[in-house]
N, C-alpha and C. Protein backbone atom coordinates (compact mmCIF):
# COMPACT_ATOMS: atom_id res chain seq x y z
N MET A 1 -23.65 -71.24 -86.01
CA MET A 1 -23.41 -69.93 -85.54
C MET A 1 -23.33 -69.89 -84.03
N LYS A 2 -22.35 -69.16 -83.64
CA LYS A 2 -22.19 -68.98 -82.20
C LYS A 2 -22.92 -67.74 -81.79
N SER A 3 -23.58 -67.86 -80.67
CA SER A 3 -24.28 -66.67 -80.18
C SER A 3 -23.33 -65.88 -79.27
N ALA A 4 -23.58 -64.61 -79.17
CA ALA A 4 -22.75 -63.74 -78.31
C ALA A 4 -22.97 -64.14 -76.86
N PRO A 5 -21.90 -64.00 -76.05
CA PRO A 5 -22.09 -64.37 -74.64
C PRO A 5 -23.17 -63.51 -74.00
N ALA A 6 -23.91 -64.14 -73.15
CA ALA A 6 -25.04 -63.45 -72.49
C ALA A 6 -24.50 -62.35 -71.58
N ALA A 7 -25.17 -61.24 -71.61
CA ALA A 7 -24.77 -60.12 -70.74
C ALA A 7 -25.07 -60.50 -69.30
N PRO A 8 -24.18 -60.13 -68.40
CA PRO A 8 -24.45 -60.50 -67.00
C PRO A 8 -25.72 -59.80 -66.50
N GLN A 9 -26.48 -60.56 -65.77
CA GLN A 9 -27.72 -60.04 -65.21
C GLN A 9 -27.39 -59.11 -64.04
N PRO A 10 -28.01 -57.95 -63.96
CA PRO A 10 -27.75 -57.08 -62.81
C PRO A 10 -28.24 -57.75 -61.53
N GLN A 11 -27.42 -57.64 -60.48
CA GLN A 11 -27.80 -58.25 -59.21
C GLN A 11 -28.87 -57.39 -58.55
N THR A 12 -29.80 -58.06 -57.96
CA THR A 12 -30.82 -57.31 -57.23
C THR A 12 -30.27 -56.98 -55.85
N ILE A 13 -30.51 -55.78 -55.44
CA ILE A 13 -30.01 -55.30 -54.15
C ILE A 13 -31.16 -55.33 -53.15
N ASP A 14 -30.90 -55.97 -52.05
CA ASP A 14 -31.89 -56.01 -50.98
C ASP A 14 -31.81 -54.70 -50.21
N ARG A 15 -32.76 -53.81 -50.42
CA ARG A 15 -32.72 -52.47 -49.82
C ARG A 15 -32.73 -52.53 -48.29
N GLU A 16 -33.48 -53.41 -47.72
CA GLU A 16 -33.53 -53.52 -46.26
C GLU A 16 -32.17 -53.88 -45.69
N MET A 17 -31.47 -54.77 -46.37
CA MET A 17 -30.14 -55.17 -45.92
C MET A 17 -29.17 -53.99 -46.00
N VAL A 18 -29.25 -53.19 -47.05
CA VAL A 18 -28.38 -52.04 -47.21
C VAL A 18 -28.67 -50.99 -46.14
N VAL A 19 -29.93 -50.74 -45.88
CA VAL A 19 -30.30 -49.77 -44.85
C VAL A 19 -29.82 -50.24 -43.48
N GLU A 20 -29.96 -51.52 -43.20
CA GLU A 20 -29.49 -52.07 -41.93
C GLU A 20 -27.97 -51.94 -41.82
N LEU A 21 -27.26 -52.21 -42.89
CA LEU A 21 -25.80 -52.09 -42.90
C LEU A 21 -25.38 -50.63 -42.66
N ILE A 22 -26.03 -49.70 -43.31
CA ILE A 22 -25.73 -48.28 -43.10
C ILE A 22 -25.99 -47.89 -41.65
N GLY A 23 -27.07 -48.38 -41.07
CA GLY A 23 -27.37 -48.10 -39.67
C GLY A 23 -26.29 -48.63 -38.74
N ARG A 24 -25.81 -49.83 -39.00
CA ARG A 24 -24.72 -50.39 -38.18
C ARG A 24 -23.44 -49.58 -38.31
N ILE A 25 -23.13 -49.16 -39.52
CA ILE A 25 -21.93 -48.35 -39.74
C ILE A 25 -22.05 -47.02 -39.00
N GLU A 26 -23.22 -46.37 -39.09
CA GLU A 26 -23.42 -45.10 -38.39
C GLU A 26 -23.30 -45.27 -36.88
N THR A 27 -23.84 -46.36 -36.35
CA THR A 27 -23.74 -46.63 -34.91
C THR A 27 -22.29 -46.82 -34.49
N ASP A 28 -21.54 -47.58 -35.28
CA ASP A 28 -20.12 -47.80 -34.97
C ASP A 28 -19.33 -46.49 -35.05
N LEU A 29 -19.62 -45.67 -36.05
CA LEU A 29 -18.92 -44.39 -36.17
C LEU A 29 -19.24 -43.46 -34.99
N ALA A 30 -20.49 -43.45 -34.57
CA ALA A 30 -20.87 -42.63 -33.41
C ALA A 30 -20.16 -43.10 -32.15
N ARG A 31 -20.04 -44.40 -31.99
CA ARG A 31 -19.34 -44.95 -30.83
C ARG A 31 -17.88 -44.56 -30.86
N LEU A 32 -17.24 -44.67 -32.03
CA LEU A 32 -15.83 -44.28 -32.15
C LEU A 32 -15.64 -42.79 -31.90
N LYS A 33 -16.56 -41.99 -32.41
CA LYS A 33 -16.48 -40.54 -32.19
C LYS A 33 -16.58 -40.24 -30.70
N GLY A 34 -17.45 -40.94 -30.00
CA GLY A 34 -17.60 -40.75 -28.56
C GLY A 34 -16.35 -41.13 -27.79
N LEU A 35 -15.61 -42.11 -28.29
CA LEU A 35 -14.37 -42.51 -27.63
C LEU A 35 -13.27 -41.46 -27.82
N LEU A 36 -13.31 -40.75 -28.93
CA LEU A 36 -12.26 -39.78 -29.24
C LEU A 36 -12.52 -38.41 -28.65
N GLU A 37 -13.78 -38.04 -28.50
CA GLU A 37 -14.11 -36.71 -27.99
C GLU A 37 -14.29 -36.76 -26.47
N PRO A 38 -13.81 -35.73 -25.78
CA PRO A 38 -14.04 -35.69 -24.33
C PRO A 38 -15.53 -35.47 -24.06
N PRO A 39 -16.03 -35.95 -22.93
CA PRO A 39 -17.44 -35.75 -22.62
C PRO A 39 -17.75 -34.27 -22.43
N VAL A 40 -18.89 -33.86 -22.93
CA VAL A 40 -19.30 -32.47 -22.81
C VAL A 40 -20.36 -32.37 -21.73
N HIS A 41 -20.08 -31.56 -20.72
CA HIS A 41 -21.04 -31.37 -19.65
C HIS A 41 -21.87 -30.13 -19.95
N ALA A 42 -23.11 -30.17 -19.52
CA ALA A 42 -23.99 -29.04 -19.71
C ALA A 42 -23.70 -27.95 -18.69
N PHE A 43 -22.83 -28.24 -17.74
CA PHE A 43 -22.51 -27.26 -16.72
C PHE A 43 -21.01 -27.30 -16.45
N ASP A 44 -20.50 -26.20 -15.95
CA ASP A 44 -19.08 -26.09 -15.66
C ASP A 44 -18.90 -25.62 -14.23
N PRO A 45 -18.29 -26.44 -13.36
CA PRO A 45 -18.12 -26.03 -11.97
C PRO A 45 -17.26 -24.77 -11.82
N ALA A 46 -16.41 -24.50 -12.80
CA ALA A 46 -15.54 -23.32 -12.71
C ALA A 46 -16.15 -22.08 -13.36
N ASP A 47 -17.39 -22.17 -13.79
CA ASP A 47 -18.06 -21.02 -14.42
C ASP A 47 -18.16 -19.86 -13.43
N PRO A 48 -17.75 -18.66 -13.82
CA PRO A 48 -17.82 -17.52 -12.90
C PRO A 48 -19.25 -17.15 -12.49
N ARG A 49 -20.23 -17.59 -13.25
CA ARG A 49 -21.62 -17.30 -12.88
C ARG A 49 -22.08 -18.11 -11.67
N ASN A 50 -21.25 -19.05 -11.20
CA ASN A 50 -21.63 -19.90 -10.08
C ASN A 50 -21.54 -19.19 -8.74
N LYS A 51 -20.79 -18.10 -8.67
CA LYS A 51 -20.60 -17.41 -7.39
C LYS A 51 -20.85 -15.93 -7.55
N THR A 52 -21.32 -15.33 -6.46
CA THR A 52 -21.46 -13.87 -6.42
C THR A 52 -20.09 -13.28 -6.08
N CYS A 53 -19.99 -11.96 -6.10
CA CYS A 53 -18.70 -11.33 -5.82
C CYS A 53 -18.24 -11.55 -4.38
N ASP A 54 -19.17 -11.87 -3.47
CA ASP A 54 -18.76 -12.14 -2.09
C ASP A 54 -18.50 -13.63 -1.84
N GLY A 55 -18.52 -14.46 -2.89
CA GLY A 55 -18.15 -15.86 -2.77
C GLY A 55 -19.30 -16.82 -2.52
N LYS A 56 -20.51 -16.32 -2.39
CA LYS A 56 -21.67 -17.20 -2.18
C LYS A 56 -22.14 -17.77 -3.51
N LEU A 57 -22.78 -18.93 -3.43
CA LEU A 57 -23.27 -19.57 -4.65
C LEU A 57 -24.52 -18.88 -5.16
N THR A 58 -24.56 -18.68 -6.45
CA THR A 58 -25.76 -18.17 -7.11
C THR A 58 -26.70 -19.34 -7.34
N PRO A 59 -27.93 -19.10 -7.77
CA PRO A 59 -28.82 -20.22 -8.12
C PRO A 59 -28.20 -21.12 -9.19
N HIS A 60 -27.45 -20.53 -10.11
CA HIS A 60 -26.74 -21.30 -11.13
C HIS A 60 -25.71 -22.22 -10.47
N GLY A 61 -24.97 -21.71 -9.50
CA GLY A 61 -23.97 -22.50 -8.79
C GLY A 61 -24.59 -23.61 -7.97
N VAL A 62 -25.72 -23.32 -7.35
CA VAL A 62 -26.43 -24.34 -6.57
C VAL A 62 -26.86 -25.48 -7.50
N GLU A 63 -27.38 -25.13 -8.66
CA GLU A 63 -27.80 -26.16 -9.62
C GLU A 63 -26.61 -26.97 -10.10
N CYS A 64 -25.46 -26.34 -10.29
CA CYS A 64 -24.25 -27.08 -10.67
C CYS A 64 -23.88 -28.10 -9.59
N CYS A 65 -23.94 -27.67 -8.34
CA CYS A 65 -23.68 -28.61 -7.23
C CYS A 65 -24.65 -29.78 -7.28
N TYR A 66 -25.92 -29.46 -7.44
CA TYR A 66 -26.94 -30.50 -7.47
C TYR A 66 -26.70 -31.48 -8.61
N ARG A 67 -26.30 -30.97 -9.77
CA ARG A 67 -26.06 -31.87 -10.91
C ARG A 67 -24.85 -32.76 -10.68
N MET A 68 -23.86 -32.24 -9.97
CA MET A 68 -22.72 -33.08 -9.64
C MET A 68 -23.14 -34.18 -8.66
N PHE A 69 -24.02 -33.85 -7.72
CA PHE A 69 -24.55 -34.87 -6.82
C PHE A 69 -25.40 -35.87 -7.61
N ASP A 70 -26.14 -35.39 -8.62
CA ASP A 70 -26.91 -36.29 -9.48
C ASP A 70 -26.00 -37.31 -10.15
N GLU A 71 -24.78 -36.90 -10.51
CA GLU A 71 -23.83 -37.80 -11.17
C GLU A 71 -23.15 -38.75 -10.20
N GLY A 72 -23.42 -38.59 -8.90
CA GLY A 72 -22.83 -39.47 -7.91
C GLY A 72 -21.52 -38.97 -7.33
N LYS A 73 -21.20 -37.70 -7.56
CA LYS A 73 -19.97 -37.14 -7.01
C LYS A 73 -20.09 -37.02 -5.49
N SER A 74 -18.96 -37.13 -4.81
CA SER A 74 -18.94 -37.00 -3.35
C SER A 74 -18.93 -35.52 -2.97
N ARG A 75 -19.23 -35.26 -1.69
CA ARG A 75 -19.20 -33.88 -1.20
C ARG A 75 -17.79 -33.31 -1.33
N TYR A 76 -16.80 -34.14 -1.11
CA TYR A 76 -15.42 -33.69 -1.21
C TYR A 76 -15.09 -33.27 -2.65
N SER A 77 -15.47 -34.09 -3.63
CA SER A 77 -15.16 -33.75 -5.02
C SER A 77 -15.95 -32.53 -5.49
N VAL A 78 -17.18 -32.38 -5.00
CA VAL A 78 -17.97 -31.19 -5.33
C VAL A 78 -17.31 -29.95 -4.73
N ALA A 79 -16.85 -30.06 -3.49
CA ALA A 79 -16.19 -28.92 -2.83
C ALA A 79 -14.95 -28.52 -3.61
N ARG A 80 -14.17 -29.48 -4.05
CA ARG A 80 -12.94 -29.15 -4.80
C ARG A 80 -13.27 -28.55 -6.15
N ALA A 81 -14.23 -29.13 -6.86
CA ALA A 81 -14.55 -28.65 -8.21
C ALA A 81 -15.17 -27.25 -8.17
N MET A 82 -16.00 -27.00 -7.16
CA MET A 82 -16.68 -25.71 -7.06
C MET A 82 -15.86 -24.67 -6.30
N LYS A 83 -14.76 -25.11 -5.70
CA LYS A 83 -13.91 -24.24 -4.87
C LYS A 83 -14.72 -23.62 -3.73
N ILE A 84 -15.41 -24.54 -3.02
CA ILE A 84 -16.16 -24.16 -1.83
C ILE A 84 -15.68 -25.04 -0.68
N SER A 85 -16.05 -24.70 0.54
CA SER A 85 -15.62 -25.51 1.68
C SER A 85 -16.39 -26.83 1.72
N PHE A 86 -15.83 -27.78 2.44
CA PHE A 86 -16.50 -29.06 2.61
C PHE A 86 -17.82 -28.86 3.35
N ALA A 87 -17.84 -27.93 4.32
CA ALA A 87 -19.08 -27.65 5.05
C ALA A 87 -20.14 -27.10 4.11
N ALA A 88 -19.76 -26.24 3.19
CA ALA A 88 -20.72 -25.69 2.22
C ALA A 88 -21.23 -26.80 1.30
N ALA A 89 -20.33 -27.69 0.88
CA ALA A 89 -20.75 -28.81 0.04
C ALA A 89 -21.69 -29.73 0.80
N THR A 90 -21.43 -29.94 2.10
CA THR A 90 -22.31 -30.77 2.93
C THR A 90 -23.68 -30.12 3.06
N HIS A 91 -23.70 -28.81 3.24
CA HIS A 91 -24.97 -28.07 3.31
C HIS A 91 -25.76 -28.24 2.02
N ARG A 92 -25.07 -28.10 0.88
CA ARG A 92 -25.75 -28.24 -0.42
C ARG A 92 -26.20 -29.68 -0.64
N PHE A 93 -25.43 -30.66 -0.16
CA PHE A 93 -25.82 -32.06 -0.30
C PHE A 93 -27.11 -32.34 0.48
N GLN A 94 -27.19 -31.82 1.70
CA GLN A 94 -28.41 -32.01 2.49
C GLN A 94 -29.60 -31.32 1.84
N ALA A 95 -29.38 -30.12 1.29
CA ALA A 95 -30.46 -29.42 0.59
C ALA A 95 -30.87 -30.19 -0.66
N TRP A 96 -29.91 -30.79 -1.34
CA TRP A 96 -30.20 -31.60 -2.54
C TRP A 96 -31.06 -32.80 -2.16
N ARG A 97 -30.74 -33.46 -1.05
CA ARG A 97 -31.54 -34.60 -0.59
C ARG A 97 -32.94 -34.17 -0.22
N ARG A 98 -33.08 -33.04 0.47
CA ARG A 98 -34.41 -32.54 0.84
C ARG A 98 -35.24 -32.18 -0.40
N ALA A 99 -34.55 -31.74 -1.45
CA ALA A 99 -35.25 -31.36 -2.68
C ALA A 99 -35.66 -32.58 -3.50
N GLY A 100 -35.25 -33.77 -3.09
CA GLY A 100 -35.66 -34.98 -3.80
C GLY A 100 -34.51 -35.75 -4.41
N GLY A 101 -33.29 -35.26 -4.22
CA GLY A 101 -32.14 -35.97 -4.77
C GLY A 101 -32.18 -36.02 -6.28
N GLU A 102 -31.93 -37.20 -6.84
CA GLU A 102 -31.91 -37.35 -8.29
C GLU A 102 -33.28 -37.14 -8.92
N LYS A 103 -34.34 -37.26 -8.13
CA LYS A 103 -35.70 -37.13 -8.67
C LYS A 103 -36.24 -35.70 -8.59
N ARG A 104 -35.41 -34.77 -8.11
CA ARG A 104 -35.85 -33.38 -7.98
C ARG A 104 -36.05 -32.75 -9.36
N PRO A 105 -36.89 -31.75 -9.44
CA PRO A 105 -37.03 -31.05 -10.74
C PRO A 105 -35.77 -30.26 -11.03
N ARG A 106 -35.25 -30.39 -12.21
CA ARG A 106 -34.02 -29.69 -12.61
C ARG A 106 -34.32 -28.26 -13.04
N VAL A 107 -33.39 -27.39 -12.73
CA VAL A 107 -33.48 -25.99 -13.14
C VAL A 107 -32.66 -25.83 -14.43
N ARG A 108 -33.17 -25.06 -15.34
CA ARG A 108 -32.47 -24.84 -16.61
C ARG A 108 -31.26 -23.96 -16.38
N LEU A 109 -30.12 -24.38 -16.93
CA LEU A 109 -28.89 -23.60 -16.81
C LEU A 109 -28.65 -22.83 -18.11
N GLY A 110 -28.00 -21.69 -17.97
CA GLY A 110 -27.58 -20.96 -19.17
C GLY A 110 -28.26 -19.71 -19.41
């Protein structure tokens, strides 16, 4: 008598390996998503809340300038982005340095 062929044994799945693989896939997908989406800034230099009606910077606008300096932007690029004079950007840069530069306490925007 011939016996019936043996049923295939179910393979054991290494759960740690599967979790690690899922983590790698999620990391790769997040990286790809970051490449496709434009960077989102927490502040907008063109926000109308940055200036008063007479053209002076509000505290919100000053913090936007400071955050641009935190990112390493030049006084010229801050002046262009904020639509202020180079002298005003230089004044804000000096105030930013006196406040501690990148180590200064940040003000909440919004």
